[in-house]
Amino acid sequence: MSDSIQNILVYITLGLALTFLVRKFIWKPKKKVAKACGKDDCGCH
């Protein structure tokens, strides 16, 4: 494999890894709506 192809693959892999880490830990996920157990809140959560 030539050096330029290796460098391109390394940069693509690095970019994908950084994107994953940013989405996993830094990006604030949308809040999920908590489902209640009914009107009296049975304490299931």
N, C-alpha and C. Protein backbone atom coordinates (compact mmCIF):
# COMPACT_ATOMS: atom_id res chain seq x y z
N MET A 1 0.84 -1.17 0.00
CA MET A 1 0.00 0.00 0.00
C MET A 1 0.90 1.24 0.00
N SER A 2 0.53 2.21 -0.76
CA SER A 2 1.37 3.40 -0.79
C SER A 2 1.12 4.24 0.46
N ASP A 3 2.07 5.11 0.75
CA ASP A 3 1.98 5.93 1.96
C ASP A 3 0.80 6.89 1.93
N SER A 4 0.46 7.40 0.76
CA SER A 4 -0.65 8.36 0.69
C SER A 4 -1.98 7.68 1.00
N ILE A 5 -2.16 6.46 0.53
CA ILE A 5 -3.40 5.74 0.83
C ILE A 5 -3.47 5.42 2.31
N GLN A 6 -2.34 5.04 2.90
CA GLN A 6 -2.31 4.76 4.33
C GLN A 6 -2.65 6.01 5.14
N ASN A 7 -2.11 7.14 4.76
CA ASN A 7 -2.40 8.39 5.46
C ASN A 7 -3.87 8.76 5.35
N ILE A 8 -4.45 8.59 4.17
CA ILE A 8 -5.88 8.88 3.99
C ILE A 8 -6.71 7.99 4.89
N LEU A 9 -6.40 6.70 4.96
CA LEU A 9 -7.16 5.78 5.81
C LEU A 9 -7.01 6.13 7.28
N VAL A 10 -5.81 6.54 7.70
CA VAL A 10 -5.60 6.93 9.09
C VAL A 10 -6.43 8.16 9.43
N TYR A 11 -6.45 9.16 8.54
CA TYR A 11 -7.22 10.38 8.81
C TYR A 11 -8.72 10.10 8.82
N ILE A 12 -9.18 9.23 7.95
CA ILE A 12 -10.60 8.87 7.94
C ILE A 12 -10.97 8.16 9.25
N THR A 13 -10.13 7.23 9.68
CA THR A 13 -10.38 6.51 10.93
C THR A 13 -10.36 7.46 12.12
N LEU A 14 -9.41 8.38 12.13
CA LEU A 14 -9.34 9.36 13.21
C LEU A 14 -10.58 10.25 13.23
N GLY A 15 -11.02 10.68 12.06
CA GLY A 15 -12.22 11.50 11.97
C GLY A 15 -13.46 10.77 12.47
N LEU A 16 -13.59 9.50 12.09
CA LEU A 16 -14.73 8.71 12.55
C LEU A 16 -14.70 8.50 14.06
N ALA A 17 -13.52 8.25 14.60
CA ALA A 17 -13.39 8.05 16.04
C ALA A 17 -13.73 9.34 16.80
N LEU A 18 -13.24 10.47 16.32
CA LEU A 18 -13.54 11.74 16.98
C LEU A 18 -15.03 12.08 16.88
N THR A 19 -15.62 11.80 15.73
CA THR A 19 -17.06 12.03 15.57
C THR A 19 -17.85 11.18 16.56
N PHE A 20 -17.47 9.92 16.71
CA PHE A 20 -18.15 9.04 17.65
C PHE A 20 -18.04 9.58 19.07
N LEU A 21 -16.82 10.00 19.47
CA LEU A 21 -16.63 10.48 20.84
C LEU A 21 -17.40 11.77 21.10
N VAL A 22 -17.43 12.66 20.13
CA VAL A 22 -18.18 13.91 20.30
C VAL A 22 -19.66 13.63 20.43
N ARG A 23 -20.19 12.76 19.59
CA ARG A 23 -21.62 12.45 19.66
C ARG A 23 -21.96 11.70 20.94
N LYS A 24 -21.05 10.88 21.43
CA LYS A 24 -21.32 10.05 22.61
C LYS A 24 -21.25 10.86 23.90
N PHE A 25 -20.25 11.74 24.04
CA PHE A 25 -20.00 12.38 25.32
C PHE A 25 -20.27 13.87 25.34
N ILE A 26 -20.13 14.58 24.25
CA ILE A 26 -20.25 16.04 24.28
C ILE A 26 -21.61 16.49 23.77
N TRP A 27 -22.07 15.91 22.70
CA TRP A 27 -23.36 16.29 22.12
C TRP A 27 -24.46 15.97 23.11
N LYS A 28 -25.32 16.93 23.40
CA LYS A 28 -26.38 16.70 24.37
C LYS A 28 -27.54 15.97 23.70
N PRO A 29 -27.85 14.77 24.17
CA PRO A 29 -28.94 14.01 23.55
C PRO A 29 -30.29 14.64 23.88
N LYS A 30 -31.24 14.36 23.03
CA LYS A 30 -32.59 14.85 23.27
C LYS A 30 -33.17 14.13 24.47
N LYS A 31 -33.91 14.85 25.27
CA LYS A 31 -34.51 14.27 26.47
C LYS A 31 -35.63 13.33 26.07
N LYS A 32 -35.63 12.16 26.66
CA LYS A 32 -36.70 11.20 26.41
C LYS A 32 -37.83 11.46 27.40
N VAL A 33 -39.02 11.28 26.94
CA VAL A 33 -40.19 11.48 27.79
C VAL A 33 -40.31 10.26 28.70
N ALA A 34 -40.32 10.52 30.00
CA ALA A 34 -40.45 9.43 30.97
C ALA A 34 -41.90 8.95 30.99
N LYS A 35 -42.05 7.65 30.97
CA LYS A 35 -43.39 7.08 31.02
C LYS A 35 -43.76 6.81 32.47
N ALA A 36 -44.89 7.31 32.88
CA ALA A 36 -45.36 7.09 34.24
C ALA A 36 -46.09 5.75 34.32
N CYS A 37 -46.17 5.23 35.50
CA CYS A 37 -46.82 3.94 35.71
C CYS A 37 -48.32 4.08 35.91
N GLY A 38 -48.82 5.24 35.81
CA GLY A 38 -50.23 5.48 36.03
C GLY A 38 -50.38 6.80 36.76
N LYS A 39 -51.55 7.04 37.28
CA LYS A 39 -51.80 8.31 37.94
C LYS A 39 -51.16 8.40 39.33
N ASP A 40 -50.99 7.28 40.02
CA ASP A 40 -50.51 7.33 41.41
C ASP A 40 -48.99 7.09 41.52
N ASP A 41 -48.27 6.96 40.41
CA ASP A 41 -46.81 6.77 40.40
C ASP A 41 -46.39 5.65 41.36
N CYS A 42 -46.44 4.44 40.88
CA CYS A 42 -46.22 3.26 41.70
C CYS A 42 -44.77 3.09 42.16
N GLY A 43 -43.86 3.98 41.78
CA GLY A 43 -42.47 3.87 42.23
C GLY A 43 -41.64 2.91 41.39
N CYS A 44 -42.00 2.72 40.14
CA CYS A 44 -41.28 1.77 39.30
C CYS A 44 -40.04 2.38 38.67
N HIS A 45 -39.77 3.65 38.91
CA HIS A 45 -38.57 4.27 38.34
C HIS A 45 -37.79 5.04 39.35
